[in-house]
Amino acid sequence: MDQKQNGKNKIIKLSAAAGALAVIVVGLYFLFPLLLHGDNNVNTKPQSPDTIVVEQPISLKISAVGDVMVHKPQIPAQYQSETNSYSFDNNFQYIKKYIESADLALCNLETTFAGGTYSGYPVFNAPESLANALKNAGFDVALTSNNHIMDMGLSGMKRTLEICRSAGLQTAGTQLEGEKNYTIVDVKNVKIGIVAYTYETPSANGRTTINSNYVPEDALDLFNTFNYNTLDEDLGKIQASIQAARDQGAELIICYYHWGEEYQRSPNDYQLYIARQSVKFGADLIFASHPHVLQGLELLTDETSGKKVPVFYSMGNLLSNQRTETLDNRYTEQGMIAEVDLEYMKSTGQILTVQMGAVPTWVDKYKSRGKDVYAVIPLDQSLEENPDLKASGHLSRAKQALADVVSLLGNEFIRVNE
């Protein structure tokens, strides 16, 4: 065989080898999915955009009320002779639907549960069943940082926390030894930090006082307080509490303050200043109490982030015996259920939308079978049909209260259509 024929044979062999290799490659191309998946029905196309899960914002409704007080006349009014016990459930029956509709509901507990003899102003000590009634009404958190928390001393403060917690209420504003000075609650998989502070009364002999009651030096860490005379320094404590809550995973921060001047229907300069500083510190919502009357509300803007922060300067009394007959002040009968609706994007930590408003409330009091009856009346569309108002004959007073609240807050913030 000559050299030329030899070359032809080599070309034929190489071509055959190349052809075989091509068959193997093509075969593997089709065989690989079978080896990988075990069948030939493999969808190798990318997923349809319709199947991609898009994060949705979390809708939250947060509600708060002002002072829950038990004056001396309220104690016998709630006594149940047939069971030799006290029940406050009837006080809240008409607002229960509003409180329960919130994802998180807070109230200022302006009394103690110290046990022993019950008493009203000036030393508050209420029946423990009030805690159960608040829980039954739908409240989740009781704020204990107020000027009456030391009415029954340090032991009374501690027992108040224990009673609240045993009733299923979380607490914020005072704490037991070793606990943080903020509270974090999980609401719809969002961690919400609650930072609550009350004002101090002027110091005596260099010692801290709350409502002129000495706070033991070794118990100062159990109380969240600020002093108007050292406000900028004490605002640092509030900032530290907010930051500590953030560091522990809080995604939203609620500040609840006990501040202002009693019976004044507008916030003072201290309140305005604290609110604005709190926004700078990272507060997302601000609720407040103490004046025993309603004050205005405001939507502040964080200058750094542009975030909108609702502020309720005073939510008035939710429940008390303060009224026209006792103080010649009808505004002490009026309160609100403050409501904030927001959308929170968990992945970015942003509040996308926020709306604020209030359901006005009014405390009715009348006699039935020789006994006082107290009822918190929502000033909504059911006003004319409310059973207690029909029994008391106080519809005109309730309507006056509604007019007062609308005049103070502005009609755009009033929610009365439920």
Protein backbone atom coordinates (compact mmCIF):
# COMPACT_ATOMS: atom_id res chain seq x y z
CA MET A 1 0.00 0.00 0.00
CA ASP A 2 1.48 3.33 -1.01
CA GLN A 3 1.85 6.38 1.21
CA LYS A 4 -1.08 8.19 -0.41
CA GLN A 5 -3.50 5.32 0.30
CA ASN A 6 -2.17 5.15 3.81
CA GLY A 7 -3.17 8.81 4.31
CA LYS A 8 -6.69 8.19 3.01
CA ASN A 9 -7.16 5.35 5.48
CA LYS A 10 -6.05 7.57 8.35
CA ILE A 11 -8.53 10.27 7.33
CA ILE A 12 -11.35 7.72 7.16
CA LYS A 13 -10.48 6.39 10.64
CA LEU A 14 -10.28 9.90 12.13
CA SER A 15 -13.61 10.82 10.56
CA ALA A 16 -15.22 7.71 12.00
CA ALA A 17 -13.78 8.47 15.44
CA ALA A 18 -15.03 12.05 15.26
CA GLY A 19 -18.48 10.84 14.25
CA ALA A 20 -18.60 8.40 17.15
CA LEU A 21 -17.54 11.10 19.56
CA ALA A 22 -20.30 13.38 18.26
CA VAL A 23 -22.87 10.65 18.83
CA ILE A 24 -21.63 10.17 22.39
CA VAL A 25 -21.80 13.93 23.15
CA VAL A 26 -25.31 14.25 21.73
CA GLY A 27 -26.38 11.18 23.64
CA LEU A 28 -25.01 12.53 26.89
CA TYR A 29 -26.78 15.84 26.25
CA PHE A 30 -30.12 14.05 26.21
CA LEU A 31 -29.20 11.38 28.71
CA PHE A 32 -27.91 13.72 31.46
CA PRO A 33 -31.36 14.93 32.57
CA LEU A 34 -32.51 11.33 32.72
CA LEU A 35 -29.59 10.41 34.95
CA LEU A 36 -30.18 13.48 37.10
CA HIS A 37 -33.96 13.38 37.39
CA GLY A 38 -34.93 9.85 36.51
CA ASP A 39 -37.44 10.80 33.81
CA ASN A 40 -37.66 12.73 30.62
CA ASN A 41 -40.31 15.21 31.75
CA VAL A 42 -37.80 17.71 33.10
CA ASN A 43 -38.73 21.36 32.71
CA THR A 44 -35.48 23.11 31.91
CA LYS A 45 -37.13 26.49 31.39
CA PRO A 46 -36.66 29.23 34.05
CA GLN A 47 -39.48 29.69 36.57
CA SER A 48 -42.36 31.86 35.53
CA PRO A 49 -42.32 35.28 37.18
CA ASP A 50 -45.76 34.37 38.58
CA THR A 51 -44.17 31.78 40.85
CA ILE A 52 -41.65 34.16 42.42
CA VAL A 53 -42.62 35.02 46.01
CA VAL A 54 -42.71 38.80 46.48
CA GLU A 55 -42.41 40.10 50.05
CA GLN A 56 -45.53 41.82 51.29
CA PRO A 57 -45.49 44.51 54.00
CA ILE A 58 -46.81 43.51 57.41
CA SER A 59 -49.91 45.46 58.44
CA LEU A 60 -50.00 46.40 62.12
CA LYS A 61 -52.65 48.14 64.20
CA ILE A 62 -51.34 49.51 67.49
CA SER A 63 -53.70 51.05 70.03
CA ALA A 64 -53.15 52.81 73.33
CA VAL A 65 -55.20 54.52 76.02
CA GLY A 66 -54.42 56.90 78.83
CA ASP A 67 -54.95 56.64 82.58
CA VAL A 68 -56.80 53.72 84.14
CA MET A 69 -57.58 54.90 87.65
CA VAL A 70 -59.60 53.54 90.56
CA HIS A 71 -60.74 56.28 92.93
CA LYS A 72 -62.36 55.40 96.23
CA PRO A 73 -66.01 55.52 95.01
CA GLN A 74 -65.18 53.06 92.24
CA ILE A 75 -64.18 50.30 94.65
CA PRO A 76 -67.64 49.59 96.16
CA ALA A 77 -69.18 50.11 92.71
CA GLN A 78 -67.30 47.05 91.44
CA TYR A 79 -67.98 44.83 94.45
CA GLN A 80 -70.05 41.73 93.69
CA SER A 81 -71.85 40.70 96.88
CA GLU A 82 -73.00 37.36 95.50
CA THR A 83 -69.38 36.23 95.03
CA ASN A 84 -67.70 38.45 97.62
CA SER A 85 -65.32 39.65 94.92
CA TYR A 86 -64.63 42.58 92.61
CA SER A 87 -65.14 42.73 88.88
CA PHE A 88 -64.30 45.59 86.50
CA ASP A 89 -65.37 43.84 83.30
CA ASN A 90 -68.48 45.98 82.85
CA ASN A 91 -66.33 49.14 82.76
CA PHE A 92 -64.77 48.10 79.45
CA GLN A 93 -67.53 46.10 77.74
CA TYR A 94 -68.31 48.74 75.10
CA ILE A 95 -64.70 49.43 74.07
CA LYS A 96 -63.70 45.77 74.08
CA LYS A 97 -64.26 45.42 70.31
CA TYR A 98 -61.86 48.29 69.62
CA ILE A 99 -59.15 47.03 71.94
CA GLU A 100 -59.39 43.46 70.68
CA SER A 101 -59.13 44.61 67.05
CA ALA A 102 -55.61 45.92 67.68
CA ASP A 103 -52.55 43.75 67.12
CA LEU A 104 -51.03 45.41 70.19
CA ALA A 105 -52.90 47.41 72.85
CA LEU A 106 -51.37 49.37 75.73
CA CYS A 107 -52.80 51.11 78.81
CA ASN A 108 -51.39 53.22 81.62
CA LEU A 109 -52.13 51.48 84.93
CA GLU A 110 -52.29 54.35 87.40
CA THR A 111 -52.77 52.36 90.54
CA THR A 112 -51.02 49.60 92.44
CA PHE A 113 -51.95 46.04 93.36
CA ALA A 114 -50.28 45.94 96.76
CA GLY A 115 -52.84 43.73 98.48
CA GLY A 116 -54.40 44.46 101.85
CA THR A 117 -56.85 47.34 102.19
CA TYR A 118 -57.98 48.94 98.96
CA SER A 119 -57.78 52.71 98.65
CA GLY A 120 -58.14 55.58 96.21
CA TYR A 121 -56.56 59.02 95.94
CA PRO A 122 -54.05 60.05 97.19
CA VAL A 123 -52.73 56.52 97.76
CA PHE A 124 -53.99 54.18 95.07
CA ASN A 125 -54.34 50.45 95.77
CA ALA A 126 -56.94 48.67 93.66
CA PRO A 127 -58.44 45.17 93.68
CA GLU A 128 -56.27 42.78 91.70
CA SER A 129 -59.20 41.78 89.50
CA LEU A 130 -58.70 45.03 87.57
CA ALA A 131 -55.70 43.35 85.92
CA ASN A 132 -57.90 40.48 84.75
CA ALA A 133 -60.50 42.92 83.42
CA LEU A 134 -57.88 44.78 81.40
CA LYS A 135 -56.65 41.50 79.94
CA ASN A 136 -60.23 40.41 79.21
CA ALA A 137 -60.83 43.71 77.42
CA GLY A 138 -57.96 42.93 75.06
CA PHE A 139 -55.05 44.90 76.48
CA ASP A 140 -51.60 43.35 76.06
CA VAL A 141 -49.26 45.67 77.97
CA ALA A 142 -49.72 47.66 81.18
CA LEU A 143 -47.47 50.69 81.60
CA THR A 144 -46.39 51.16 85.22
CA SER A 145 -44.10 54.19 84.90
CA ASN A 146 -46.31 56.88 86.42
CA ASN A 147 -46.42 59.13 89.46
CA HIS A 148 -48.54 56.70 91.54
CA ILE A 149 -46.45 53.56 91.15
CA MET A 150 -44.73 54.20 94.51
CA ASP A 151 -47.95 54.89 96.41
CA MET A 152 -47.55 51.63 98.34
CA GLY A 153 -43.78 51.59 98.43
CA LEU A 154 -41.27 49.37 96.68
CA SER A 155 -43.06 46.16 97.67
CA GLY A 156 -46.29 47.52 96.21
CA MET A 157 -44.54 48.33 92.94
CA LYS A 158 -43.12 44.83 92.69
CA ARG A 159 -46.39 43.12 93.55
CA THR A 160 -48.15 45.21 90.92
CA LEU A 161 -45.84 43.76 88.28
CA GLU A 162 -46.43 40.24 89.56
CA ILE A 163 -50.22 40.63 89.51
CA CYS A 164 -50.22 42.08 86.00
CA ARG A 165 -48.04 39.30 84.67
CA SER A 166 -50.07 36.59 86.36
CA ALA A 167 -53.13 38.03 84.59
CA GLY A 168 -51.35 37.72 81.24
CA LEU A 169 -50.37 41.35 80.83
CA GLN A 170 -46.84 42.27 79.91
CA THR A 171 -45.40 45.31 81.67
CA ALA A 172 -43.10 48.21 80.86
CA GLY A 173 -41.77 51.21 82.75
CA THR A 174 -40.73 49.53 85.99
CA GLN A 175 -38.97 46.22 86.40
CA LEU A 176 -37.78 43.63 88.87
CA GLU A 177 -34.13 43.05 89.76
CA GLY A 178 -32.06 41.86 86.83
CA GLU A 179 -34.63 42.78 84.17
CA LYS A 180 -34.11 45.14 81.23
CA ASN A 181 -35.56 48.65 81.42
CA TYR A 182 -37.52 48.09 78.21
CA THR A 183 -39.87 45.38 77.00
CA ILE A 184 -39.87 43.62 73.63
CA VAL A 185 -43.04 41.95 72.37
CA ASP A 186 -43.44 39.85 69.24
CA VAL A 187 -46.40 40.98 67.14
CA LYS A 188 -47.05 39.21 63.81
CA ASN A 189 -43.36 38.28 63.65
CA VAL A 190 -42.29 41.89 64.24
CA LYS A 191 -40.34 42.63 67.41
CA ILE A 192 -41.65 45.82 69.03
CA GLY A 193 -39.69 47.50 71.80
CA ILE A 194 -41.60 49.48 74.44
CA VAL A 195 -39.73 52.19 76.32
CA ALA A 196 -41.76 53.88 79.07
CA TYR A 197 -40.69 56.75 81.35
CA THR A 198 -42.33 58.98 83.95
CA TYR A 199 -41.36 62.36 85.36
CA GLU A 200 -39.81 62.69 88.81
CA THR A 201 -40.95 65.16 91.43
CA PRO A 202 -38.31 67.56 92.79
CA SER A 203 -35.54 65.76 94.65
CA ALA A 204 -35.49 65.95 98.44
CA ASN A 205 -32.19 65.93 100.27
CA GLY A 206 -30.58 64.93 96.98
CA ARG A 207 -32.75 61.83 96.69
CA THR A 208 -35.02 60.82 93.80
CA THR A 209 -38.74 61.08 94.47
CA ILE A 210 -41.84 59.98 92.58
CA ASN A 211 -44.93 61.88 93.70
CA SER A 212 -42.83 62.98 96.68
CA ASN A 213 -42.21 59.35 97.68
CA TYR A 214 -38.56 58.44 98.09
CA VAL A 215 -37.15 55.87 95.70
CA PRO A 216 -34.61 53.69 97.55
CA GLU A 217 -31.08 54.31 96.30
CA ASP A 218 -30.51 50.62 95.63
CA ALA A 219 -33.76 50.43 93.60
CA LEU A 220 -33.24 53.35 91.21
CA ASP A 221 -32.55 50.95 88.34
CA LEU A 222 -36.05 49.50 88.73
CA PHE A 223 -37.73 52.77 87.74
CA ASN A 224 -37.62 54.60 84.40
CA THR A 225 -37.70 58.28 85.30
CA PHE A 226 -36.56 61.67 84.06
CA ASN A 227 -36.26 64.99 85.85
CA TYR A 228 -37.23 68.26 84.19
CA ASN A 229 -34.33 69.96 86.01
CA THR A 230 -31.77 67.62 84.45
CA LEU A 231 -33.69 66.87 81.29
CA ASP A 232 -30.89 66.77 78.72
CA GLU A 233 -28.89 64.42 80.90
CA ASP A 234 -31.90 62.19 81.51
CA LEU A 235 -32.81 62.15 77.85
CA GLY A 236 -29.56 60.26 77.47
CA LYS A 237 -31.13 57.47 79.55
CA ILE A 238 -34.09 57.34 77.22
CA GLN A 239 -31.80 57.26 74.19
CA ALA A 240 -29.80 54.44 75.78
CA SER A 241 -32.99 52.43 76.43
CA ILE A 242 -34.10 52.85 72.82
CA GLN A 243 -30.69 51.79 71.55
CA ALA A 244 -30.51 48.82 73.91
CA ALA A 245 -33.90 47.62 72.67
CA ARG A 246 -32.69 47.98 69.09
CA ASP A 247 -29.54 46.05 69.91
CA GLN A 248 -31.70 43.24 71.29
CA GLY A 249 -33.62 42.96 68.04
CA ALA A 250 -36.46 45.47 68.36
CA GLU A 251 -37.57 46.47 64.86
CA LEU A 252 -40.05 49.13 65.96
CA ILE A 253 -39.90 51.34 69.05
CA ILE A 254 -42.87 52.67 71.02
CA CYS A 255 -42.20 55.37 73.61
CA TYR A 256 -44.86 55.87 76.27
CA TYR A 257 -44.41 58.94 78.49
CA HIS A 258 -46.08 60.11 81.68
CA TRP A 259 -45.54 63.86 81.46
CA GLY A 260 -47.10 67.30 81.16
CA GLU A 261 -49.28 69.46 83.39
CA GLU A 262 -52.49 68.19 84.95
CA TYR A 263 -55.73 69.53 83.43
CA GLN A 264 -53.92 71.49 80.68
CA ARG A 265 -55.42 70.77 77.25
CA SER A 266 -52.28 71.55 75.26
CA PRO A 267 -48.72 70.18 75.55
CA ASN A 268 -46.07 72.30 77.22
CA ASP A 269 -42.59 73.06 75.91
CA TYR A 270 -41.06 70.10 77.75
CA GLN A 271 -43.43 67.66 76.05
CA LEU A 272 -42.74 69.12 72.63
CA TYR A 273 -38.99 68.96 73.23
CA ILE A 274 -38.98 65.38 74.55
CA ALA A 275 -41.11 64.21 71.64
CA ARG A 276 -38.76 65.73 69.07
CA GLN A 277 -35.68 64.37 70.78
CA SER A 278 -37.29 60.92 70.95
CA VAL A 279 -37.83 61.00 67.19
CA LYS A 280 -34.13 61.75 66.76
CA PHE A 281 -33.32 58.82 69.05
CA GLY A 282 -35.30 56.45 66.82
CA ALA A 283 -38.82 56.29 68.28
CA ASP A 284 -41.46 55.12 65.80
CA LEU A 285 -44.59 55.92 67.86
CA ILE A 286 -45.13 58.12 70.91
CA PHE A 287 -48.07 57.76 73.31
CA ALA A 288 -48.50 59.67 76.57
CA SER A 289 -50.66 60.32 79.61
CA HIS A 290 -50.85 62.17 82.98
CA PRO A 291 -52.71 65.47 82.35
CA HIS A 292 -56.08 63.65 82.88
CA VAL A 293 -57.48 65.55 79.91
CA LEU A 294 -56.94 65.16 76.21
CA GLN A 295 -54.24 67.08 74.41
CA GLY A 296 -53.51 67.34 70.70
CA LEU A 297 -51.77 64.93 68.40
CA GLU A 298 -49.11 65.47 65.79
CA LEU A 299 -47.28 63.65 63.00
CA LEU A 300 -43.60 64.50 63.36
CA THR A 301 -40.98 63.94 60.66
CA ASP A 302 -37.53 62.52 61.32
CA GLU A 303 -35.23 65.01 59.60
CA THR A 304 -32.64 62.33 58.87
CA SER A 305 -34.76 59.51 57.48
CA GLY A 306 -37.97 61.31 56.55
CA LYS A 307 -39.89 58.82 58.70
CA LYS A 308 -43.30 59.96 60.00
CA VAL A 309 -43.79 59.51 63.75
CA PRO A 310 -47.27 59.76 65.33
CA VAL A 311 -47.38 61.59 68.68
CA PHE A 312 -50.34 61.58 71.09
CA TYR A 313 -49.47 64.18 73.73
CA SER A 314 -52.12 63.07 76.23
CA MET A 315 -54.80 60.45 75.84
CA GLY A 316 -56.72 61.64 78.89
CA ASN A 317 -58.51 59.39 81.36
CA LEU A 318 -59.86 56.08 80.16
CA LEU A 319 -61.43 55.30 83.54
CA SER A 320 -61.66 57.40 86.70
CA ASN A 321 -64.00 59.23 89.06
CA GLN A 322 -62.69 62.59 87.88
CA ARG A 323 -65.61 64.46 86.34
CA THR A 324 -67.89 67.49 86.45
CA GLU A 325 -69.38 66.44 89.78
CA THR A 326 -66.00 65.98 91.51
CA LEU A 327 -63.71 68.53 89.85
CA ASP A 328 -66.10 70.83 87.98
CA ASN A 329 -64.15 69.83 84.87
CA ARG A 330 -66.01 67.93 82.15
CA TYR A 331 -62.82 67.38 80.18
CA THR A 332 -61.60 64.85 82.79
CA GLU A 333 -64.44 62.57 81.69
CA GLN A 334 -63.05 62.39 78.15
CA GLY A 335 -60.45 60.04 76.72
CA MET A 336 -59.47 58.29 73.54
CA ILE A 337 -58.39 55.01 72.08
CA ALA A 338 -55.39 56.13 70.05
CA GLU A 339 -54.94 54.06 66.90
CA VAL A 340 -51.96 53.81 64.57
CA ASP A 341 -52.16 51.73 61.40
CA LEU A 342 -48.87 51.10 59.65
CA GLU A 343 -47.26 48.89 57.03
CA TYR A 344 -43.82 47.55 57.89
CA MET A 345 -41.40 46.02 55.39
CA LYS A 346 -39.39 43.52 57.38
CA SER A 347 -36.51 43.04 54.92
CA THR A 348 -35.69 46.75 54.79
CA GLY A 349 -36.84 47.77 58.27
CA GLN A 350 -38.93 50.55 56.80
CA ILE A 351 -42.38 51.83 57.72
CA LEU A 352 -44.00 52.26 54.32
CA THR A 353 -47.23 53.93 55.41
CA VAL A 354 -48.58 55.28 58.69
CA GLN A 355 -52.00 56.60 59.65
CA MET A 356 -53.13 57.89 63.03
CA GLY A 357 -56.51 58.56 64.54
CA ALA A 358 -58.59 58.22 67.69
CA VAL A 359 -61.86 56.77 68.91
CA PRO A 360 -63.18 59.29 71.50
CA THR A 361 -64.40 57.86 74.81
CA TRP A 362 -66.45 59.20 77.70
CA VAL A 363 -66.89 57.84 81.25
CA ASP A 364 -70.51 57.55 82.27
CA LYS A 365 -71.50 57.30 85.93
CA TYR A 366 -74.98 56.82 87.31
CA LYS A 367 -76.93 55.07 90.06
CA SER A 368 -78.70 51.76 89.55
CA ARG A 369 -80.39 49.97 92.46
CA GLY A 370 -78.55 52.19 94.89
CA LYS A 371 -75.14 51.39 93.43
CA ASP A 372 -72.79 53.45 91.26
CA VAL A 373 -72.23 52.20 87.72
CA TYR A 374 -69.19 53.22 85.67
CA ALA A 375 -68.98 52.57 81.93
CA VAL A 376 -66.46 53.70 79.31
CA ILE A 377 -68.57 54.74 76.33
CA PRO A 378 -67.06 54.87 72.82
CA LEU A 379 -68.41 58.01 71.16
CA ASP A 380 -69.20 56.25 67.90
CA GLN A 381 -72.24 55.58 65.75
CA SER A 382 -73.78 53.37 68.44
CA LEU A 383 -74.05 56.28 70.85
CA GLU A 384 -77.82 56.68 70.60
CA GLU A 385 -78.37 52.97 71.30
CA ASN A 386 -75.90 52.49 74.15
CA PRO A 387 -77.71 50.69 77.00
CA ASP A 388 -75.89 52.52 79.78
CA LEU A 389 -76.58 55.93 78.26
CA LYS A 390 -80.24 54.99 78.00
CA ALA A 391 -80.21 53.96 81.65
CA SER A 392 -78.36 57.06 82.84
CA GLY A 393 -80.10 59.61 80.63
CA HIS A 394 -76.69 61.19 79.90
CA LEU A 395 -76.82 61.12 76.11
CA SER A 396 -76.54 64.91 75.87
CA ARG A 397 -73.39 64.87 78.02
CA ALA A 398 -71.85 62.20 75.82
CA LYS A 399 -72.66 64.24 72.71
CA GLN A 400 -71.05 67.29 74.30
CA ALA A 401 -67.95 65.21 74.99
CA LEU A 402 -67.80 64.17 71.34
CA ALA A 403 -68.06 67.79 70.23
CA ASP A 404 -65.24 68.73 72.62
CA VAL A 405 -62.94 66.01 71.29
CA VAL A 406 -63.65 66.82 67.65
CA SER A 407 -62.94 70.49 68.34
CA LEU A 408 -59.62 69.66 70.03
CA LEU A 409 -58.23 66.96 67.74
CA GLY A 410 -59.73 67.92 64.41
CA ASN A 411 -62.39 65.99 62.54
CA GLU A 412 -59.82 64.34 60.24
CA PHE A 413 -58.43 62.30 63.15
CA ILE A 414 -61.74 61.14 64.61
CA ARG A 415 -62.75 57.51 64.03
CA VAL A 416 -66.40 56.96 64.92
CA ASN A 417 -67.72 54.84 62.09
CA GLU A 418 -67.26 51.33 63.46
